[in-house]
Amino acid sequence: MDIGLLSVSLNVYSTKRIAEEAQKLGHYVELIDHTKCSVKLGSGKPQIYLGDENITDDFDAIIPRIGAKVTRHGAAIVKQFEMNGIFSTARSLAITRARNKVRTLQIMARKGIPIPETLFSINPDNIEEQIKILGGTPVIIKLQEGTQGLGVILAESQKSAKSIIDTFYKMDTSILIQKYIEEANGEDIRIFVVGNKVVASMKRICAVGEFRSNVHLGGEVEAIKPSAKEEYIALNAAKYLGLGVAGVDLLRSKKGPLLIEVNASPGLQGVEAATGKNIAKEIVQFVEKNGHRKRK
């Protein structure tokens, strides 16, 4: 198959690994820097250009690895490939939904997936009441579109929470507020879903002096066996968002597992190192199963 890999660089670990496994399995794979792509609409079939090269009919399938800073443009490029009949491991709508934490949690809540107590507002005049609705401090304050643990703040007192929330509101920055799950003890679980199966799972443990467990922030990782309920949540979260490949993040609470985020472009480095699983190969095999060869 001819596979387009939407990413800004082959030097990114996850992108490089997927390209390697695609080549090993006999596929032609080409990097498509979606930030350099354009779409021409008007008379005739819509055309997709990479620079000045028309790539509209060059691929049988695409694997999007869309960065947070260019989500809208990247999703629009993915959408055009979709509309031209090209299989994608992540639907364009799913990419934009997963990037917005509030939208993700709204969908999960509607579908009955357990999530932490969460509140979002833009009203700076009743911050005390907002915190009270969540049961008081401590609370977690998150940017609605933050990634890799950035824009996630623990406010341990009413005073600090009010100050932080008020600042974000005045900056016209979209946030959400969540009840702090103390019993999680700075740990979370990432379950890696490809297609309709869980292919790997790991626990992420926060570094000393840190409450966020992200690998990019110094967190440690170890392979785990998720419970049946955790697998059920992960598989359904990916399905409800429309993601063929997803990293589903959960907390273990007194009430059971709680979904906190779904990542449409999950990194492979931490999970492959922790579990020894060849996730990149799983992704390529998923493309093989679902993509359709257009040309001989």
Protein backbone atom coordinates (compact mmCIF):
# COMPACT_ATOMS: atom_id res chain seq x y z
CA MET A 1 0.00 0.00 0.00
CA ASP A 2 0.97 3.65 -0.41
CA ILE A 3 0.70 5.27 3.02
CA GLY A 4 0.85 8.98 3.81
CA LEU A 5 2.22 9.74 7.28
CA LEU A 6 0.99 13.16 8.38
CA SER A 7 3.66 14.58 10.67
CA VAL A 8 6.03 17.54 10.75
CA SER A 9 9.24 15.46 10.88
CA LEU A 10 10.65 11.94 10.61
CA ASN A 11 12.90 12.81 13.55
CA VAL A 12 9.92 12.40 15.90
CA TYR A 13 10.24 8.96 17.54
CA SER A 14 6.64 7.86 16.90
CA THR A 15 6.67 8.98 13.27
CA LYS A 16 10.00 7.28 12.63
CA ARG A 17 8.85 4.00 14.18
CA ILE A 18 5.64 3.86 12.14
CA ALA A 19 7.60 4.58 8.95
CA GLU A 20 10.10 1.82 9.78
CA GLU A 21 7.42 -0.79 10.40
CA ALA A 22 5.48 0.18 7.28
CA GLN A 23 8.60 -0.30 5.17
CA LYS A 24 9.38 -3.63 6.85
CA LEU A 25 5.90 -4.84 5.90
CA GLY A 26 6.49 -3.90 2.27
CA HIS A 27 4.59 -0.63 2.03
CA TYR A 28 5.59 2.65 0.46
CA VAL A 29 5.39 5.36 3.11
CA GLU A 30 5.89 9.09 2.63
CA LEU A 31 6.06 11.89 5.16
CA ILE A 32 3.42 14.56 4.59
CA ASP A 33 4.07 17.75 6.52
CA HIS A 34 0.46 18.82 6.96
CA THR A 35 1.55 22.36 7.87
CA LYS A 36 2.78 22.69 4.28
CA CYS A 37 -0.37 21.26 2.71
CA SER A 38 -3.04 23.26 0.89
CA VAL A 39 -6.49 22.35 -0.39
CA LYS A 40 -7.87 23.76 -3.64
CA LEU A 41 -11.66 23.88 -3.89
CA GLY A 42 -13.81 25.00 -6.79
CA SER A 43 -14.44 23.41 -10.16
CA GLY A 44 -13.85 19.69 -10.36
CA LYS A 45 -12.57 17.38 -7.65
CA PRO A 46 -10.95 19.09 -4.61
CA GLN A 47 -7.18 18.91 -4.83
CA ILE A 48 -4.62 18.44 -2.03
CA TYR A 49 -1.18 19.98 -2.52
CA LEU A 50 2.06 19.48 -0.62
CA GLY A 51 3.86 22.66 -1.58
CA ASP A 52 3.27 22.79 -5.33
CA GLU A 53 2.93 19.00 -5.72
CA ASN A 54 -0.55 17.58 -6.24
CA ILE A 55 -0.87 14.57 -3.90
CA THR A 56 -4.64 14.12 -4.18
CA ASP A 57 -4.50 10.57 -5.54
CA ASP A 58 -1.10 9.46 -4.27
CA PHE A 59 -2.11 7.40 -1.23
CA ASP A 60 -4.25 4.43 -0.25
CA ALA A 61 -4.38 5.42 3.42
CA ILE A 62 -3.12 8.08 5.81
CA ILE A 63 -1.89 7.98 9.41
CA PRO A 64 -2.36 11.41 11.03
CA ARG A 65 0.05 12.59 13.73
CA ILE A 66 -1.36 16.08 14.22
CA GLY A 67 0.34 18.45 16.70
CA ALA A 68 -1.65 20.56 19.16
CA LYS A 69 -0.64 23.91 17.65
CA VAL A 70 -2.02 23.07 14.20
CA THR A 71 -5.05 20.96 15.11
CA ARG A 72 -7.60 22.86 13.01
CA HIS A 73 -5.51 22.96 9.85
CA GLY A 74 -4.31 19.38 10.28
CA ALA A 75 -7.85 18.13 10.82
CA ALA A 76 -9.02 20.03 7.72
CA ILE A 77 -6.35 18.28 5.63
CA VAL A 78 -7.40 14.91 7.08
CA LYS A 79 -11.03 15.75 6.30
CA GLN A 80 -10.21 16.38 2.67
CA PHE A 81 -8.43 13.04 2.37
CA GLU A 82 -11.52 11.43 3.92
CA MET A 83 -13.85 13.18 1.50
CA ASN A 84 -11.69 11.93 -1.36
CA GLY A 85 -12.22 8.35 -0.15
CA ILE A 86 -8.88 7.77 1.60
CA PHE A 87 -8.85 5.69 4.79
CA SER A 88 -7.51 7.46 7.90
CA THR A 89 -6.59 5.90 11.25
CA ALA A 90 -8.25 8.92 12.91
CA ARG A 91 -11.31 10.74 11.63
CA SER A 92 -10.93 14.50 11.35
CA LEU A 93 -13.87 15.10 13.70
CA ALA A 94 -12.33 12.70 16.23
CA ILE A 95 -9.04 14.61 16.17
CA THR A 96 -10.71 17.92 17.01
CA ARG A 97 -12.96 16.33 19.65
CA ALA A 98 -10.08 14.59 21.40
CA ARG A 99 -8.00 17.78 21.43
CA ASN A 100 -10.70 19.57 23.42
CA LYS A 101 -10.94 18.07 26.91
CA VAL A 102 -14.39 19.49 27.62
CA ARG A 103 -15.86 18.10 24.40
CA THR A 104 -14.32 14.69 25.12
CA LEU A 105 -15.70 14.63 28.66
CA GLN A 106 -19.14 15.75 27.48
CA ILE A 107 -19.27 12.81 25.07
CA MET A 108 -18.01 10.39 27.71
CA ALA A 109 -20.55 11.61 30.28
CA ARG A 110 -23.38 11.22 27.76
CA LYS A 111 -22.26 7.66 27.02
CA GLY A 112 -21.98 6.71 30.69
CA ILE A 113 -18.19 6.53 30.86
CA PRO A 114 -17.03 7.45 34.41
CA ILE A 115 -15.06 10.71 34.67
CA PRO A 116 -13.89 12.91 37.56
CA GLU A 117 -16.25 15.59 38.85
CA THR A 118 -15.68 18.38 36.33
CA LEU A 119 -16.88 21.95 35.91
CA PHE A 120 -16.32 24.51 33.17
CA SER A 121 -17.43 28.13 33.13
CA ILE A 122 -16.41 31.57 31.93
CA ASN A 123 -18.01 33.49 34.80
CA PRO A 124 -15.41 35.33 36.92
CA ASP A 125 -18.00 36.52 39.44
CA ASN A 126 -18.78 33.24 41.22
CA ILE A 127 -15.47 31.38 41.38
CA GLU A 128 -16.02 30.50 45.05
CA GLU A 129 -19.33 28.88 44.15
CA GLN A 130 -17.71 26.96 41.30
CA ILE A 131 -15.13 25.49 43.67
CA LYS A 132 -17.86 24.74 46.22
CA ILE A 133 -19.86 22.83 43.59
CA LEU A 134 -16.86 20.48 43.21
CA GLY A 135 -16.68 19.96 46.96
CA GLY A 136 -13.94 22.46 47.72
CA THR A 137 -10.18 22.38 47.27
CA PRO A 138 -7.84 20.90 46.25
CA VAL A 139 -8.83 21.13 42.58
CA ILE A 140 -7.08 20.55 39.27
CA ILE A 141 -7.24 23.41 36.76
CA LYS A 142 -6.62 22.47 33.13
CA LEU A 143 -6.39 24.27 29.83
CA GLN A 144 -9.07 22.78 27.60
CA GLU A 145 -6.56 22.11 24.83
CA GLY A 146 -3.31 21.47 26.72
CA THR A 147 -1.11 18.44 25.97
CA GLN A 148 1.72 16.48 27.63
CA GLY A 149 0.73 17.78 31.05
CA LEU A 150 1.22 21.42 30.09
CA GLY A 151 -1.45 23.78 31.40
CA VAL A 152 -2.39 21.47 34.28
CA ILE A 153 -2.24 23.10 37.71
CA LEU A 154 -2.95 21.77 41.21
CA ALA A 155 -4.56 24.41 43.44
CA GLU A 156 -4.45 23.24 47.05
CA SER A 157 -6.20 26.17 48.72
CA GLN A 158 -9.28 28.27 48.05
CA LYS A 159 -7.13 31.37 47.74
CA SER A 160 -4.73 29.93 45.17
CA ALA A 161 -7.55 28.30 43.18
CA LYS A 162 -9.48 31.58 43.00
CA SER A 163 -6.37 33.50 41.93
CA ILE A 164 -5.45 31.03 39.17
CA ILE A 165 -9.00 30.67 37.82
CA ASP A 166 -9.57 34.43 37.89
CA THR A 167 -6.33 34.98 35.95
CA PHE A 168 -7.33 32.49 33.24
CA TYR A 169 -10.80 34.01 32.92
CA LYS A 170 -9.34 37.50 32.53
CA MET A 171 -6.96 36.18 29.85
CA ASP A 172 -10.00 34.76 28.01
CA THR A 173 -8.43 31.30 28.26
CA SER A 174 -10.72 28.26 28.18
CA ILE A 175 -10.23 26.01 31.20
CA LEU A 176 -11.94 23.27 33.13
CA ILE A 177 -11.83 22.52 36.84
CA GLN A 178 -11.76 19.00 38.28
CA LYS A 179 -11.89 17.52 41.75
CA TYR A 180 -8.42 16.31 42.75
CA ILE A 181 -8.31 12.50 43.05
CA GLU A 182 -5.94 12.22 45.99
CA GLU A 183 -5.96 8.43 46.15
CA ALA A 184 -4.49 8.24 42.63
CA ASN A 185 -1.25 9.33 44.33
CA GLY A 186 0.23 11.02 41.26
CA GLU A 187 -0.23 7.93 39.09
CA ASP A 188 -2.33 7.33 36.01
CA ILE A 189 -2.78 4.61 33.41
CA ARG A 190 -2.43 4.89 29.68
CA ILE A 191 -4.17 2.21 27.65
CA PHE A 192 -3.20 2.03 24.00
CA VAL A 193 -6.04 1.10 21.67
CA VAL A 194 -5.59 0.10 18.02
CA GLY A 195 -8.75 -0.80 16.16
CA ASN A 196 -11.02 -2.73 18.49
CA LYS A 197 -8.36 -4.13 20.82
CA VAL A 198 -6.06 -3.03 23.63
CA VAL A 199 -2.49 -3.57 22.45
CA ALA A 200 -0.53 -2.24 25.46
CA SER A 201 -1.01 -0.62 28.85
CA MET A 202 1.30 1.16 31.25
CA LYS A 203 1.24 2.96 34.57
CA ARG A 204 2.82 6.43 34.68
CA ILE A 205 4.26 7.52 38.01
CA CYS A 206 5.01 11.18 38.72
CA ALA A 207 8.52 12.40 39.52
CA VAL A 208 9.40 13.56 43.04
CA GLY A 209 7.85 16.96 43.75
CA GLU A 210 5.48 16.66 40.78
CA PHE A 211 1.79 15.66 40.65
CA ARG A 212 1.63 15.16 36.87
CA SER A 213 2.73 11.74 35.64
CA ASN A 214 3.54 12.61 32.01
CA VAL A 215 6.73 11.06 30.64
CA HIS A 216 7.73 14.44 29.16
CA LEU A 217 7.77 15.81 32.72
CA GLY A 218 10.03 13.11 34.12
CA GLY A 219 7.41 10.51 35.02
CA GLU A 220 8.39 6.85 35.21
CA VAL A 221 6.53 4.10 33.39
CA GLU A 222 5.90 0.41 33.95
CA ALA A 223 3.85 -2.19 32.10
CA ILE A 224 0.57 -3.25 33.72
CA LYS A 225 -2.38 -5.53 33.08
CA PRO A 226 -5.53 -3.36 33.10
CA SER A 227 -8.73 -4.61 34.65
CA ALA A 228 -11.64 -5.70 32.49
CA LYS A 229 -13.47 -2.47 33.36
CA GLU A 230 -10.45 -0.35 32.42
CA GLU A 231 -10.21 -2.11 29.06
CA TYR A 232 -13.94 -1.63 28.53
CA ILE A 233 -13.66 2.11 29.20
CA ALA A 234 -10.64 2.50 26.90
CA LEU A 235 -12.16 0.59 23.99
CA ASN A 236 -15.46 2.42 24.18
CA ALA A 237 -13.85 5.85 24.61
CA ALA A 238 -11.90 5.34 21.38
CA LYS A 239 -15.03 4.08 19.63
CA TYR A 240 -17.25 6.94 20.82
CA LEU A 241 -14.75 9.52 19.55
CA GLY A 242 -14.12 7.69 16.27
CA LEU A 243 -10.42 6.99 16.78
CA GLY A 244 -8.75 3.94 15.24
CA VAL A 245 -5.61 4.65 17.27
CA ALA A 246 -5.85 6.22 20.73
CA GLY A 247 -4.08 6.63 24.03
CA VAL A 248 -6.72 6.58 26.77
CA ASP A 249 -5.70 7.98 30.16
CA LEU A 250 -7.39 6.80 33.36
CA LEU A 251 -7.09 7.41 37.10
CA ARG A 252 -7.73 4.71 39.68
CA SER A 253 -10.06 6.15 42.31
CA LYS A 254 -12.07 4.83 45.26
CA LYS A 255 -15.06 4.74 42.92
CA GLY A 256 -13.17 2.79 40.26
CA PRO A 257 -11.39 3.87 37.08
CA LEU A 258 -12.08 7.40 35.81
CA LEU A 259 -11.33 8.63 32.30
CA ILE A 260 -9.39 11.90 32.22
CA GLU A 261 -8.28 12.26 28.60
CA VAL A 262 -8.13 10.63 25.18
CA ASN A 263 -5.13 11.33 22.94
CA ALA A 264 -5.58 11.08 19.15
CA SER A 265 -1.81 11.10 18.47
CA PRO A 266 -0.36 9.19 21.44
CA GLY A 267 3.41 8.92 21.68
CA LEU A 268 4.95 5.47 21.22
CA GLN A 269 8.30 5.87 22.93
CA GLY A 270 7.19 5.44 26.54
CA VAL A 271 4.74 2.61 25.94
CA GLU A 272 7.06 0.63 23.63
CA ALA A 273 9.91 0.96 26.14
CA ALA A 274 7.74 0.01 29.12
CA THR A 275 5.91 -2.93 27.55
CA GLY A 276 8.25 -4.22 24.85
CA LYS A 277 5.27 -4.25 22.49
CA ASN A 278 5.65 -3.25 18.83
CA ILE A 279 2.87 -0.67 18.75
CA ALA A 280 4.03 0.83 15.45
CA LYS A 281 3.57 -2.53 13.74
CA GLU A 282 0.07 -2.86 15.22
CA ILE A 283 -0.84 0.52 13.71
CA VAL A 284 0.44 -0.46 10.26
CA GLN A 285 -1.41 -3.79 10.40
CA PHE A 286 -4.59 -1.89 11.30
CA VAL A 287 -4.09 0.16 8.13
CA GLU A 288 -3.54 -3.01 6.12
CA LYS A 289 -6.84 -4.41 7.39
CA ASN A 290 -8.91 -1.30 6.74
CA GLY A 291 -7.23 0.59 3.90
CA HIS A 292 -8.02 -0.11 0.28
CA ARG A 293 -5.34 -0.27 -2.38
CA LYS A 294 -6.26 2.16 -5.13
CA ARG A 295 -3.49 1.36 -7.61
CA LYS A 296 -1.42 -1.65 -8.65
